[in-house]
Protein backbone atom coordinates (compact mmCIF):
# COMPACT_ATOMS: atom_id res chain seq x y z
CA MET A 1 -1.84 -14.03 13.88
CA THR A 2 -1.38 -13.35 17.55
CA GLY A 3 2.02 -15.03 17.61
CA GLN A 4 3.47 -12.97 14.77
CA GLN A 5 5.50 -9.84 15.20
CA ARG A 6 3.57 -6.59 14.73
CA LEU A 7 4.40 -4.42 11.74
CA GLY A 8 5.14 -1.17 13.54
CA PHE A 9 5.79 2.34 12.27
CA GLY A 10 8.77 2.90 14.54
CA ILE A 11 6.89 5.84 16.08
CA ASP A 12 6.32 5.11 19.77
CA THR A 13 3.18 7.24 20.09
CA LEU A 14 1.49 5.74 17.03
CA ASP A 15 2.52 2.15 17.72
CA ALA A 16 1.17 2.50 21.26
CA LEU A 17 -2.21 3.57 19.83
CA LEU A 18 -2.21 0.35 17.79
CA GLY A 19 -1.32 -2.02 20.60
CA GLY A 20 2.20 -2.40 19.24
CA GLY A 21 1.67 -1.92 15.51
CA LEU A 22 -0.32 -3.24 12.58
CA LEU A 23 -1.32 -6.90 12.45
CA PRO A 24 0.48 -8.90 9.76
CA GLY A 25 -1.66 -10.55 7.12
CA THR A 26 -4.22 -7.73 7.15
CA LEU A 27 -5.21 -4.62 5.22
CA THR A 28 -4.81 -1.16 6.74
CA VAL A 29 -6.35 1.99 5.22
CA ILE A 30 -4.91 5.42 5.98
CA ALA A 31 -7.52 7.97 4.91
CA GLY A 32 -7.27 11.73 4.65
CA ALA A 33 -7.24 14.67 2.28
CA THR A 34 -4.31 15.69 0.13
CA GLY A 35 -1.52 17.26 2.18
CA VAL A 36 -2.16 15.63 5.57
CA GLY A 37 0.94 13.40 5.41
CA LYS A 38 -0.42 10.03 4.27
CA THR A 39 2.42 9.36 1.85
CA GLN A 40 5.08 10.33 4.37
CA LEU A 41 3.54 8.04 7.00
CA GLY A 42 3.29 5.21 4.47
CA LEU A 43 6.96 5.62 3.55
CA ARG A 44 7.88 5.63 7.24
CA TRP A 45 6.12 2.28 7.68
CA ALA A 46 7.78 0.83 4.58
CA ASP A 47 11.23 2.02 5.68
CA GLN A 48 10.71 0.54 9.15
CA GLY A 49 10.71 -2.89 7.52
CA ARG A 50 14.45 -2.46 7.03
CA LEU A 51 14.96 -2.53 10.79
CA ALA A 52 12.16 -4.90 11.77
CA GLU A 53 12.37 -7.57 9.05
CA GLY A 54 15.64 -6.78 7.30
CA HIS A 55 13.92 -5.52 4.12
CA ARG A 56 12.22 -2.26 3.26
CA GLY A 57 8.67 -2.42 2.01
CA VAL A 58 7.74 -1.84 -1.63
CA LEU A 59 5.55 0.86 -3.17
CA CYS A 60 2.83 0.33 -5.75
CA ASP A 61 1.77 3.66 -7.26
CA LEU A 62 -1.45 3.36 -9.26
CA THR A 63 -1.72 7.00 -10.23
CA SER A 64 -2.27 7.77 -13.90
CA ARG A 65 -0.74 11.21 -13.50
CA GLY A 66 2.89 10.47 -12.64
CA ASP A 67 4.54 10.56 -9.20
CA ALA A 68 2.25 13.24 -7.78
CA GLN A 69 2.90 12.00 -4.24
CA ASN A 70 6.65 12.86 -4.31
CA HIS A 71 7.64 9.39 -3.12
CA ALA A 72 11.25 9.68 -4.29
CA ALA A 73 11.86 13.11 -2.75
CA TYR A 74 10.32 12.17 0.63
CA ALA A 75 12.18 8.86 0.77
CA ARG A 76 15.50 10.47 -0.03
CA SER A 77 15.22 13.42 2.36
CA GLN A 78 13.61 11.64 5.29
CA PHE A 79 15.03 8.11 5.16
CA ASP A 80 18.14 8.33 2.94
CA TRP A 81 16.31 5.90 0.67
CA SER A 82 16.91 6.01 -3.08
CA ILE A 83 13.76 4.52 -4.53
CA THR A 84 14.41 2.48 -7.67
CA PRO A 85 11.65 2.01 -10.26
CA TYR A 86 10.73 -1.46 -11.44
CA ARG A 87 10.57 -1.81 -15.21
CA SER A 88 6.93 -2.76 -15.60
CA ASP A 89 6.83 -2.07 -19.35
CA THR A 90 8.84 -5.15 -20.29
CA ASN A 91 7.67 -8.67 -21.05
CA LEU A 92 7.60 -11.39 -18.43
CA ASP A 93 11.05 -12.58 -17.36
CA LEU A 94 10.30 -15.63 -15.24
CA ALA A 95 13.93 -16.71 -14.94
CA SER A 96 14.79 -13.40 -13.26
CA VAL A 97 12.58 -14.27 -10.29
CA TRP A 98 15.34 -16.63 -9.10
CA ASP A 99 18.22 -14.25 -9.92
CA PHE A 100 18.82 -12.99 -6.40
CA ASP A 101 21.75 -10.83 -7.52
CA ARG A 102 19.47 -8.79 -9.76
CA GLU A 103 18.26 -5.39 -8.53
CA LEU A 104 14.48 -5.56 -8.73
CA GLY A 105 13.55 -2.01 -7.81
CA ASP A 106 11.14 -1.14 -5.01
CA TYR A 107 8.74 1.22 -6.83
CA PHE A 108 6.11 -0.33 -9.10
CA HIS A 109 4.14 2.04 -11.36
CA PRO A 110 2.10 -0.28 -13.58
CA PHE A 111 0.05 2.28 -15.52
CA SER A 112 2.58 4.33 -17.43
CA LYS A 113 0.21 6.49 -19.51
CA THR A 114 -0.61 9.75 -17.80
CA GLY A 115 -3.47 12.19 -17.76
CA ARG A 116 -6.24 9.64 -18.21
CA ARG A 117 -9.52 9.34 -16.36
CA VAL A 118 -9.90 6.12 -14.43
CA THR A 119 -13.63 5.39 -13.99
CA ARG A 120 -16.03 3.77 -16.43
CA ARG A 121 -18.64 6.54 -16.40
CA ASP A 122 -16.01 9.15 -17.35
CA LEU A 123 -14.68 7.28 -20.40
CA GLU A 124 -15.69 6.67 -23.96
CA TYR A 125 -15.80 3.04 -25.09
CA ASP A 126 -12.40 3.18 -26.84
CA ASP A 127 -10.73 4.74 -23.80
CA TRP A 128 -12.26 2.15 -21.47
CA HIS A 129 -11.09 -0.63 -23.79
CA ALA A 130 -7.57 0.88 -23.74
CA TRP A 131 -7.62 0.79 -19.94
CA LYS A 132 -8.78 -2.84 -19.92
CA THR A 133 -6.01 -3.75 -22.35
CA ASP A 134 -3.47 -2.04 -20.09
CA LEU A 135 -4.89 -3.90 -17.09
CA ALA A 136 -4.58 -7.29 -18.76
CA ARG A 137 -0.99 -6.46 -19.66
CA VAL A 138 0.11 -5.53 -16.15
CA LEU A 139 -1.72 -8.08 -14.01
CA ARG A 140 0.69 -10.97 -14.53
CA LYS A 141 3.66 -8.58 -14.47
CA SER A 142 2.48 -7.48 -11.02
CA VAL A 143 2.54 -11.11 -9.85
CA GLU A 144 6.13 -11.34 -11.05
CA PHE A 145 7.12 -8.20 -9.15
CA PHE A 146 5.45 -9.05 -5.84
CA TYR A 147 6.26 -12.75 -5.82
CA ALA A 148 9.94 -11.97 -6.48
CA GLN A 149 9.91 -9.42 -3.64
CA PHE A 150 8.28 -11.82 -1.16
CA VAL A 151 10.70 -14.69 -1.80
CA ARG A 152 13.46 -12.18 -1.05
CA GLY A 153 11.99 -11.30 2.34
CA VAL A 154 9.83 -8.19 1.74
CA ARG A 155 6.83 -8.16 4.09
CA ARG A 156 5.33 -4.68 3.63
CA VAL A 157 3.37 -3.30 0.67
CA VAL A 158 2.19 0.32 0.34
CA ILE A 159 -0.51 1.11 -2.24
CA ASP A 160 -0.83 4.76 -3.27
CA GLY A 161 -2.32 6.84 -6.05
CA ILE A 162 -5.86 5.46 -6.27
CA GLU A 163 -8.18 8.33 -7.15
CA PRO A 164 -11.45 8.66 -5.19
CA SER A 165 -14.53 7.28 -6.94
CA ASP A 166 -18.21 7.25 -6.02
CA ARG A 167 -18.36 3.68 -7.29
CA MET A 168 -15.25 1.63 -6.61
CA SER A 169 -16.55 -1.07 -8.95
CA GLU A 170 -16.16 1.35 -11.89
CA SER A 171 -12.52 2.24 -11.12
CA ILE A 172 -9.85 0.50 -13.17
CA GLN A 173 -7.35 1.27 -10.40
CA PHE A 174 -9.49 -0.37 -7.76
CA GLU A 175 -10.02 -3.40 -10.02
CA PHE A 176 -6.25 -3.78 -10.13
CA PHE A 177 -6.01 -3.41 -6.36
CA GLU A 178 -8.68 -6.07 -5.79
CA TYR A 179 -6.73 -8.50 -7.96
CA LEU A 180 -3.45 -7.64 -6.25
CA TYR A 181 -4.85 -8.02 -2.76
CA HIS A 182 -6.93 -11.18 -3.18
CA GLN A 183 -4.90 -13.06 -5.80
CA ILE A 184 -1.36 -12.23 -4.67
CA LEU A 185 -1.08 -10.80 -1.17
CA ARG A 186 -3.70 -13.04 0.44
CA LYS A 187 -2.89 -16.20 -1.50
CA GLU A 188 -0.65 -18.97 -0.17
CA ASP A 189 2.81 -18.66 -1.70
CA ASP A 190 2.56 -21.79 -3.86
CA TRP A 191 -0.74 -20.60 -5.34
CA ALA A 192 0.78 -17.19 -6.11
CA ALA A 193 3.62 -19.09 -7.81
CA ARG A 194 1.09 -21.08 -9.87
CA GLU A 195 -0.56 -17.82 -10.95
CA LEU A 196 2.85 -16.53 -12.07
CA PHE A 197 4.46 -19.55 -13.71
CA ARG A 198 1.27 -21.26 -14.98
CA GLU A 199 2.35 -23.84 -17.60
CA HIS A 200 5.94 -23.49 -16.35
CA TYR A 201 5.05 -24.22 -12.72
CA ARG A 202 6.22 -27.84 -12.66
CA ALA A 203 9.64 -26.84 -13.97
CA ASN A 204 9.90 -24.17 -11.26
CA GLU A 205 8.29 -26.13 -8.42
CA PRO A 206 11.60 -27.23 -6.77
CA LYS A 207 12.66 -23.57 -6.47
CA VAL A 208 9.20 -22.54 -5.28
CA MET A 209 9.38 -25.12 -2.48
CA ALA A 210 12.94 -24.06 -1.61
CA HIS A 211 11.96 -20.38 -1.22
CA ARG A 212 8.67 -20.48 0.63
CA TYR A 213 7.21 -17.53 2.55
CA ASP A 214 4.21 -17.11 4.81
CA HIS A 215 1.60 -14.93 3.11
CA ALA A 216 0.03 -14.28 6.54
CA SER A 217 3.16 -12.34 7.52
CA ILE A 218 2.65 -9.71 4.81
CA GLY A 219 0.96 -6.40 5.63
CA CYS A 220 -0.67 -4.02 3.16
CA LEU A 221 -1.10 -0.29 3.69
CA TYR A 222 -3.61 1.46 1.42
CA LEU A 223 -3.41 5.26 1.20
CA TYR A 224 -6.85 6.67 0.42
CA THR A 225 -7.51 10.31 -0.50
CA THR A 226 -10.79 11.68 0.85
CA PRO A 227 -12.78 14.80 -0.09
CA HIS A 228 -13.07 15.68 3.61
CA VAL A 229 -10.31 17.83 5.07
CA LEU A 230 -11.34 18.13 8.73
CA LEU A 231 -10.79 15.15 11.03
CA ASP A 232 -14.19 15.72 12.65
CA ASP A 233 -15.87 15.23 9.26
CA LEU A 234 -13.93 12.03 8.62
CA MET A 235 -14.83 10.64 12.03
CA THR A 236 -18.57 11.16 11.50
CA GLN A 237 -18.66 9.47 8.09
CA PRO A 238 -20.16 5.94 8.16
CA ILE A 239 -17.94 3.09 7.02
CA GLY A 240 -19.42 1.83 3.76
CA GLU A 241 -20.34 -1.73 2.97
CA GLY A 242 -18.50 -3.64 0.27
CA ASP A 243 -15.76 -1.05 -0.17
CA VAL A 244 -12.14 -0.94 0.92
CA PHE A 245 -13.06 0.47 4.34
CA SER A 246 -15.33 -2.41 5.27
CA ASN A 247 -12.70 -4.92 4.15
CA ALA A 248 -9.91 -3.24 6.12
CA ASN A 249 -8.76 -4.65 9.44
CA THR A 250 -7.45 -1.24 10.51
CA ILE A 251 -8.51 2.29 9.56
CA ILE A 252 -6.40 5.32 10.47
CA LEU A 253 -7.90 8.77 9.85
CA MET A 254 -5.71 11.83 9.32
CA GLY A 255 -7.15 15.33 9.07
CA ARG A 256 -6.99 19.01 9.91
CA THR A 257 -8.21 20.31 13.26
CA ARG A 258 -9.13 23.70 14.71
CA HIS A 259 -7.85 24.65 18.14
CA GLU A 260 -7.78 28.10 19.74
CA GLY A 261 -7.95 29.90 16.42
CA ARG A 262 -5.28 27.79 14.72
CA MET A 263 -5.32 24.93 12.28
CA GLY A 264 -3.41 21.77 13.08
CA ARG A 265 -3.31 18.10 12.14
CA SER A 266 -4.38 15.06 14.15
CA LEU A 267 -4.70 11.31 13.75
CA TYR A 268 -7.35 8.90 15.01
CA VAL A 269 -7.52 5.10 14.84
CA ALA A 270 -11.14 4.44 13.83
CA LYS A 271 -10.87 0.66 13.59
CA HIS A 272 -8.32 -1.93 14.66
CA ARG A 273 -9.98 -5.31 14.65
CA GLY A 274 -8.42 -8.08 16.74
CA SER A 275 -6.28 -5.83 18.91
CA ALA A 276 -6.35 -3.38 21.77
CA CYS A 277 -6.67 0.17 20.46
CA SER A 278 -6.59 3.64 22.01
CA ASP A 279 -9.46 6.11 21.46
CA ALA A 280 -7.10 9.07 21.66
CA ILE A 281 -6.96 11.81 19.03
CA VAL A 282 -3.27 12.51 18.60
CA PRO A 283 -1.87 15.79 17.20
CA TYR A 284 1.15 15.73 14.91
CA ARG A 285 3.23 18.12 12.85
CA ILE A 286 4.76 17.77 9.41
CA THR A 287 8.40 18.82 9.39
CA ASP A 288 11.36 18.45 7.05
CA HIS A 289 12.02 15.15 8.84
CA GLY A 290 8.50 13.81 8.34
CA LEU A 291 5.66 13.43 10.82
CA GLU A 292 6.40 14.29 14.45
CA PHE A 293 4.11 13.27 17.32
CA GLU A 294 4.14 14.46 20.90
CA PRO A 295 5.59 11.78 23.22
CA SER A 296 2.88 9.56 24.70
């Protein structure tokens, strides 16, 4: 890990806080209330892949309520990036994985039905069964999407749209994320290929071996919406056991602050395992061009 290039944001002040950027092969959580700029910061990190690795990152939006995070509008106005949806409602097309002239799309929205609750305790049996059916349908399709992206050189994944839940184990969105993270992102490339091709693996093995990638070079950014608005409240919350925070290598908190009778926004790196990390609380502003930090 230490010999690999950091996955930076391209923001000098923030990358300096992180000892040069995020560590590849790890999970980073950006946590904060709605409106603090999580999505814009996530898009900035994904877009930076274009300069750092030659490929923008991809977005996985797990919301069941449409594109509430305005990904397309932010990407277009701030990075001149026209996000293209991936057609996740179609059947598997294994041959297309090797069609490198095909436009894959960089926005994956696996759950197309909108307006539905996402946790077991909020659902009737039939609704929960419908969710589980949807999940079974999209899991292998998600392997197709991400494996095809990784063999083409993508090294950054942004996960957005997971609704807060008191019990992550009861969230259908979090169940999908757990599968995605442990069975695709953190699996060696040939094992991810086996999960995708299954009975067709032997026929595809020569191409799999010819287009290998290092799964330890892939970074994942998870955007988590919190009920707490103030940064001070976020900083005093204990990191839970067995949830996404405890499994994260890096945790970045974003929240509102009070200073001299005015409200502002600041960022704090609460955890950055395996790397030097600053303890500074850094103010930032949200402008038409995205997040702006004071020079370090």
